Amino acid sequence: MAKEIYSREDDSHPMQLTSADIILRQQLEYSISRYFYEACDRSIQNLLSSCRWYVTTHANAMVLVIECPDQVTNWRVLQKIVPMGTLLNQIVSSAKIRVCPPESQGIPFEMRVDELSVYRDLAG
């Protein structure tokens, strides 16, 4: 087996993404978004439809970002975070959900899908 040879200089520069890398990442994010949405029940699909939401990659983890138009919708999304996290965890094990209230009406709530048991215990 050939040993990979590189210099310390290789480690000091971040790898530049090519346009192909960017396109592949966008396709992956789109596919995960679609797969996630189709796996949701009708009530979650309706809730997501009233928000701006998308999947993005951030620091080697997928992030489901949900931007809520008002506080009532924000509260309803937060009430569904455990079932949404459960679905997302079945698709991607290293993922987060970030729920964003309307601008200037609070700070985003973020949860890792591997923390779901904590929220199930609190809800139960």
Protein backbone atom coordinates (compact mmCIF):
# COMPACT_ATOMS: atom_id res chain seq x y z
CA MET A 1 0.00 0.00 0.00
CA ALA A 2 1.49 3.32 -1.04
CA LYS A 3 2.01 5.84 1.71
CA GLU A 4 0.71 9.33 1.03
CA ILE A 5 3.52 11.87 1.09
CA TYR A 6 2.90 15.53 1.77
CA SER A 7 4.71 18.40 3.38
CA ARG A 8 3.68 20.44 6.42
CA GLU A 9 2.97 23.29 3.99
CA ASP A 10 0.03 21.27 2.58
CA ASP A 11 -1.65 21.37 5.99
CA SER A 12 -1.40 25.12 6.42
CA HIS A 13 -3.58 26.13 3.46
CA PRO A 14 -7.31 25.40 3.35
CA MET A 15 -8.38 23.40 0.32
CA GLN A 16 -9.98 25.59 -2.33
CA LEU A 17 -13.37 24.29 -3.41
CA THR A 18 -13.82 23.80 -7.12
CA SER A 19 -17.04 24.68 -8.91
CA ALA A 20 -17.72 20.93 -9.16
CA ASP A 21 -17.41 20.62 -5.34
CA ILE A 22 -19.88 23.47 -4.88
CA ILE A 23 -22.37 21.99 -7.35
CA LEU A 24 -22.13 18.54 -5.73
CA ARG A 25 -22.68 20.05 -2.27
CA GLN A 26 -25.74 21.97 -3.54
CA GLN A 27 -27.14 18.79 -5.11
CA LEU A 28 -26.59 16.89 -1.85
CA GLU A 29 -28.28 19.62 0.18
CA TYR A 30 -31.22 19.69 -2.24
CA SER A 31 -31.58 15.89 -2.18
CA ILE A 32 -31.49 15.76 1.63
CA SER A 33 -34.06 18.60 1.79
CA ARG A 34 -36.40 16.77 -0.54
CA TYR A 35 -35.95 13.41 1.18
CA PHE A 36 -36.53 15.03 4.59
CA TYR A 37 -39.66 16.89 3.46
CA GLU A 38 -41.16 13.79 1.86
CA ALA A 39 -40.54 11.80 5.09
CA CYS A 40 -42.42 14.39 7.20
CA ASP A 41 -46.09 13.95 8.05
CA ARG A 42 -48.65 16.36 6.63
CA SER A 43 -48.72 18.61 9.72
CA ILE A 44 -44.94 19.17 9.59
CA GLN A 45 -45.04 19.68 5.81
CA ASN A 46 -47.74 22.35 6.28
CA LEU A 47 -45.70 24.00 9.02
CA LEU A 48 -42.53 23.99 6.87
CA SER A 49 -44.52 25.43 3.96
CA SER A 50 -45.31 28.52 6.04
CA CYS A 51 -41.59 29.09 6.73
CA ARG A 52 -38.43 29.66 4.72
CA TRP A 53 -36.37 26.52 5.27
CA TYR A 54 -33.33 24.87 3.71
CA VAL A 55 -30.52 22.42 4.40
CA THR A 56 -26.96 23.69 4.35
CA THR A 57 -23.51 22.39 5.26
CA HIS A 58 -21.74 24.10 8.13
CA ALA A 59 -18.49 22.88 9.74
CA ASN A 60 -18.86 19.29 8.49
CA ALA A 61 -22.45 18.98 9.71
CA MET A 62 -25.71 19.35 7.86
CA VAL A 63 -27.94 22.09 9.26
CA LEU A 64 -31.69 22.28 8.74
CA VAL A 65 -32.44 26.00 9.01
CA ILE A 66 -36.05 27.02 9.57
CA GLU A 67 -36.81 30.75 9.42
CA CYS A 68 -40.21 31.46 10.98
CA PRO A 69 -42.39 34.37 9.77
CA ASP A 70 -43.91 35.04 13.24
CA GLN A 71 -43.72 34.01 16.90
CA VAL A 72 -46.73 31.67 16.71
CA THR A 73 -45.16 29.70 13.85
CA ASN A 74 -41.83 29.74 15.71
CA TRP A 75 -43.51 28.16 18.75
CA ARG A 76 -45.27 25.54 16.59
CA VAL A 77 -41.95 24.63 14.90
CA LEU A 78 -40.24 24.29 18.30
CA GLN A 79 -43.04 21.94 19.41
CA LYS A 80 -42.26 19.70 16.40
CA ILE A 81 -38.47 19.77 16.79
CA VAL A 82 -38.21 16.24 18.25
CA PRO A 83 -40.08 14.49 15.41
CA MET A 84 -38.20 16.60 12.83
CA GLY A 85 -34.89 15.81 14.53
CA THR A 86 -35.73 12.11 14.62
CA LEU A 87 -36.39 12.11 10.86
CA LEU A 88 -33.25 14.14 10.11
CA ASN A 89 -31.15 11.82 12.28
CA GLN A 90 -32.32 8.86 10.18
CA ILE A 91 -31.00 10.62 7.08
CA VAL A 92 -27.82 12.28 8.40
CA SER A 93 -26.26 11.33 11.74
CA SER A 94 -24.22 14.52 12.08
CA ALA A 95 -26.85 17.23 11.77
CA LYS A 96 -28.38 20.19 13.57
CA ILE A 97 -31.69 21.99 13.43
CA ARG A 98 -31.66 25.78 13.75
CA VAL A 99 -35.03 27.45 14.33
CA CYS A 100 -34.92 31.20 13.70
CA PRO A 101 -37.65 33.48 15.07
CA PRO A 102 -38.62 36.60 13.13
CA GLU A 103 -35.78 39.12 12.95
CA SER A 104 -35.26 41.12 16.18
CA GLN A 105 -37.73 38.87 18.05
CA GLY A 106 -35.29 36.56 19.80
CA ILE A 107 -32.27 34.41 19.08
CA PRO A 108 -32.19 31.21 17.01
CA PHE A 109 -32.59 27.91 18.85
CA GLU A 110 -30.16 25.21 17.73
CA MET A 111 -30.19 21.50 18.54
CA ARG A 112 -27.95 18.64 17.42
CA VAL A 113 -29.90 15.56 16.34
CA ASP A 114 -27.70 13.41 18.57
CA GLU A 115 -29.13 15.36 21.57
CA LEU A 116 -32.69 14.19 20.89
CA SER A 117 -32.96 11.96 23.96
CA VAL A 118 -32.58 15.03 26.23
CA TYR A 119 -35.54 16.75 24.55
CA ARG A 120 -37.66 13.58 24.53
CA ASP A 121 -37.09 13.25 28.29
CA LEU A 122 -38.07 16.90 28.88
CA ALA A 123 -41.17 16.58 26.70
CA GLY A 124 -42.24 13.28 28.23
